[in-house]
C-alpha atoms as a PDB file:
ATOM      1  CA  MET A   1     112.090  73.848 110.481  1.00  0.00           C
ATOM      2  CA  GLU A   2     109.305  73.560 113.025  1.00  0.00           C
ATOM      3  CA  GLU A   3     105.819  74.302 111.673  1.00  0.00           C
ATOM      4  CA  ILE A   4     104.255  77.423 113.121  1.00  0.00           C
ATOM      5  CA  LEU A   5     100.539  77.102 113.756  1.00  0.00           C
ATOM      6  CA  ALA A   6      98.496  80.235 113.981  1.00  0.00           C
ATOM      7  CA  TYR A   7      95.777  80.579 116.596  1.00  0.00           C
ATOM      8  CA  CYS A   8      93.108  79.967 113.903  1.00  0.00           C
ATOM      9  CA  GLY A   9      94.698  76.765 112.600  1.00  0.00           C
ATOM     10  CA  LEU A  10      96.475  78.132 109.551  1.00  0.00           C
ATOM     11  CA  THR A  11     100.064  77.080 109.116  1.00  0.00           C
ATOM     12  CA  CYS A  12     102.401  80.008 108.775  1.00  0.00           C
ATOM     13  CA  HIS A  13     104.817  78.001 106.600  1.00  0.00           C
ATOM     14  CA  GLY A  14     102.038  77.687 103.991  1.00  0.00           C
ATOM     15  CA  CYS A  15     101.074  81.393 104.128  1.00  0.00           C
ATOM     16  CA  PRO A  16     102.076  83.319 101.010  1.00  0.00           C
ATOM     17  CA  ILE A  17     102.793  86.413 103.163  1.00  0.00           C
ATOM     18  CA  TYR A  18     105.119  84.450 105.422  1.00  0.00           C
ATOM     19  CA  LEU A  19     106.829  82.969 102.324  1.00  0.00           C
ATOM     20  CA  ALA A  20     107.213  86.427 100.700  1.00  0.00           C
ATOM     21  CA  THR A  21     108.800  87.673 103.887  1.00  0.00           C
ATOM     22  CA  ARG A  22     111.486  85.090 103.490  1.00  0.00           C
ATOM     23  CA  GLU A  23     112.054  85.653  99.795  1.00  0.00           C
ATOM     24  CA  GLU A  24     115.547  87.091  99.158  1.00  0.00           C
ATOM     25  CA  SER A  25     114.914  88.480  95.625  1.00  0.00           C
ATOM     26  CA  ASP A  26     113.247  91.855  95.773  1.00  0.00           C
ATOM     27  CA  GLU A  27     111.813  91.364  92.297  1.00  0.00           C
ATOM     28  CA  LYS A  28     110.306  87.984  93.205  1.00  0.00           C
ATOM     29  CA  LYS A  29     109.032  89.405  96.563  1.00  0.00           C
ATOM     30  CA  GLU A  30     107.206  92.251  94.726  1.00  0.00           C
ATOM     31  CA  LYS A  31     105.601  89.747  92.284  1.00  0.00           C
ATOM     32  CA  MET A  32     104.514  87.598  95.230  1.00  0.00           C
ATOM     33  CA  ARG A  33     102.909  90.641  96.966  1.00  0.00           C
ATOM     34  CA  VAL A  34     100.859  91.403  93.831  1.00  0.00           C
ATOM     35  CA  GLU A  35      99.696  87.778  93.777  1.00  0.00           C
ATOM     36  CA  ILE A  36      98.844  87.990  97.453  1.00  0.00           C
ATOM     37  CA  THR A  37      96.537  91.017  96.884  1.00  0.00           C
ATOM     38  CA  GLN A  38      94.643  88.964  94.269  1.00  0.00           C
ATOM     39  CA  LEU A  39      94.359  86.026  96.648  1.00  0.00           C
ATOM     40  CA  CYS A  40      93.131  88.177  99.552  1.00  0.00           C
ATOM     41  CA  LYS A  41      90.403  89.638  97.311  1.00  0.00           C
ATOM     42  CA  GLU A  42      89.323  86.308  95.914  1.00  0.00           C
ATOM     43  CA  GLN A  43      89.445  84.252  99.144  1.00  0.00           C
ATOM     44  CA  TYR A  44      88.506  86.809 101.795  1.00  0.00           C
ATOM     45  CA  GLY A  45      86.909  89.710  99.913  1.00  0.00           C
ATOM     46  CA  VAL A  46      89.544  92.084 101.239  1.00  0.00           C
ATOM     47  CA  GLU A  47      91.335  94.558  98.942  1.00  0.00           C
ATOM     48  CA  TYR A  48      94.948  95.411  99.525  1.00  0.00           C
ATOM     49  CA  LYS A  49      97.583  97.185  97.453  1.00  0.00           C
ATOM     50  CA  PRO A  50     100.953  95.409  97.086  1.00  0.00           C
ATOM     51  CA  GLU A  51     102.548  97.905  99.498  1.00  0.00           C
ATOM     52  CA  ASP A  52      99.978  96.900 102.102  1.00  0.00           C
ATOM     53  CA  ILE A  53     101.426  93.376 102.249  1.00  0.00           C
ATOM     54  CA  THR A  54     103.998  93.867 104.995  1.00  0.00           C
ATOM     55  CA  ASP A  55     106.513  91.330 106.217  1.00  0.00           C
ATOM     56  CA  CYS A  56     105.247  88.791 108.765  1.00  0.00           C
ATOM     57  CA  ASP A  57     106.929  86.272 111.080  1.00  0.00           C
ATOM     58  CA  GLY A  58     103.659  84.609 112.114  1.00  0.00           C
ATOM     59  CA  CYS A  59     100.637  85.752 114.115  1.00  0.00           C
ATOM     60  CA  LYS A  60     102.256  84.764 117.424  1.00  0.00           C
ATOM     61  CA  THR A  61     105.195  87.051 116.873  1.00  0.00           C
ATOM     62  CA  GLU A  62     106.078  89.062 119.928  1.00  0.00           C
ATOM     63  CA  GLU A  63     105.201  92.767 120.417  1.00  0.00           C
ATOM     64  CA  GLY A  64     107.328  94.850 118.106  1.00  0.00           C
ATOM     65  CA  GLY A  65     107.956  91.913 115.704  1.00  0.00           C
ATOM     66  CA  ARG A  66     107.022  91.818 112.035  1.00  0.00           C
ATOM     67  CA  LEU A  67     103.301  91.132 111.676  1.00  0.00           C
ATOM     68  CA  PHE A  68     101.147  91.507 108.545  1.00  0.00           C
ATOM     69  CA  SER A  69      98.613  94.375 109.039  1.00  0.00           C
ATOM     70  CA  GLY A  70      95.710  92.059 108.342  1.00  0.00           C
ATOM     71  CA  CYS A  71      96.850  89.694 111.086  1.00  0.00           C
ATOM     72  CA  GLU A  72      97.427  92.693 113.414  1.00  0.00           C
ATOM     73  CA  GLN A  73      93.695  93.504 113.025  1.00  0.00           C
ATOM     74  CA  CYS A  74      92.454  89.898 113.205  1.00  0.00           C
ATOM     75  CA  TYR A  75      89.713  89.364 115.757  1.00  0.00           C
ATOM     76  CA  ILE A  76      90.534  85.655 116.178  1.00  0.00           C
ATOM     77  CA  ARG A  77      94.237  86.462 116.862  1.00  0.00           C
ATOM     78  CA  LYS A  78      93.296  89.159 119.413  1.00  0.00           C
ATOM     79  CA  CYS A  79      90.777  86.963 121.146  1.00  0.00           C
ATOM     80  CA  ALA A  80      93.168  83.944 121.420  1.00  0.00           C
ATOM     81  CA  SER A  81      96.016  86.173 122.521  1.00  0.00           C
ATOM     82  CA  GLN A  82      93.943  87.762 125.257  1.00  0.00           C
ATOM     83  CA  LYS A  83      92.854  84.379 126.515  1.00  0.00           C
ATOM     84  CA  SER A  84      96.476  83.175 126.426  1.00  0.00           C
ATOM     85  CA  VAL A  85      95.537  79.922 124.615  1.00  0.00           C
ATOM     86  CA  GLU A  86      98.077  78.068 122.446  1.00  0.00           C
ATOM     87  CA  ASN A  87      95.478  78.067 119.626  1.00  0.00           C
ATOM     88  CA  CYS A  88      91.678  78.180 119.320  1.00  0.00           C
ATOM     89  CA  ALA A  89      91.385  74.400 119.914  1.00  0.00           C
ATOM     90  CA  HIS A  90      92.404  75.076 123.515  1.00  0.00           C
ATOM     91  CA  CYS A  91      89.617  77.596 124.094  1.00  0.00           C
ATOM     92  CA  ASP A  92      86.565  76.714 126.201  1.00  0.00           C
ATOM     93  CA  GLU A  93      84.377  78.423 123.558  1.00  0.00           C
ATOM     94  CA  TYR A  94      85.731  76.323 120.599  1.00  0.00           C
ATOM     95  CA  THR A  95      84.134  76.611 117.989  1.00  0.00           C
ATOM     96  CA  CYS A  96      82.930  80.193 118.302  1.00  0.00           C
ATOM     97  CA  GLU A  97      80.862  81.993 115.624  1.00  0.00           C
ATOM     98  CA  ARG A  98      83.808  84.045 114.264  1.00  0.00           C
ATOM     99  CA  LEU A  99      85.918  80.914 113.894  1.00  0.00           C
ATOM    100  CA  ALA A 100      83.143  78.962 112.254  1.00  0.00           C
ATOM    101  CA  GLU A 101      82.773  81.856 109.720  1.00  0.00           C
ATOM    102  CA  PHE A 102      86.523  81.712 109.065  1.00  0.00           C
ATOM    103  CA  PHE A 103      86.446  77.963 108.505  1.00  0.00           C
ATOM    104  CA  VAL A 104      84.143  78.458 105.482  1.00  0.00           C
ATOM    105  CA  ALA A 105      87.119  79.932 103.660  1.00  0.00           C
ATOM    106  CA  GLU A 106      89.754  77.808 105.434  1.00  0.00           C
ATOM    107  CA  PRO A 107      88.480  74.196 105.956  1.00  0.00           C
ATOM    108  CA  ASN A 108      91.971  72.834 106.400  1.00  0.00           C
ATOM    109  CA  ALA A 109      92.424  75.119 109.424  1.00  0.00           C
ATOM    110  CA  GLU A 110      89.237  73.590 110.938  1.00  0.00           C
ATOM    111  CA  LYS A 111      90.557  70.108 110.327  1.00  0.00           C
ATOM    112  CA  ARG A 112      93.846  70.882 112.067  1.00  0.00           C
ATOM    113  CA  LEU A 113      92.142  72.438 115.116  1.00  0.00           C
ATOM    114  CA  ASN A 114      89.606  69.615 115.337  1.00  0.00           C
ATOM    115  CA  GLU A 115      92.438  67.128 115.432  1.00  0.00           C
ATOM    116  CA  ILE A 116      94.089  69.064 118.197  1.00  0.00           C
ATOM    117  CA  LYS A 117      90.865  69.441 120.135  1.00  0.00           C
ATOM    118  CA  SER A 118      90.166  65.652 119.944  1.00  0.00           C
ATOM    119  CA  SER A 119      93.595  64.979 121.416  1.00  0.00           C
ATOM    120  CA  LEU A 120      93.126  67.257 124.422  1.00  0.00           C
END
């Protein structure tokens, strides 16, 4: 399976929301969604209810596709999509202030994008 890289440098295949979307067991999926709400609160300071954790096929999913509500509202996603860049490493403004703030919580995303930027 090809790795899906979000605009911000996160890998969708490592995202718990993406993984819960693919879970076949409803019982296990519900348990994963509860765990995701705790993770969102701890890592990003955002509070969700388990029912807020919607299915997601990745932030680059086409219009009308399944997209987690948090990703739908993401400033970084909206910006990169409007600029039609493959990911933020391809942006002329890399690294912007919003992305730098995001990297505090997600240093591996920064590492991935820096590797891409250095190869351009």
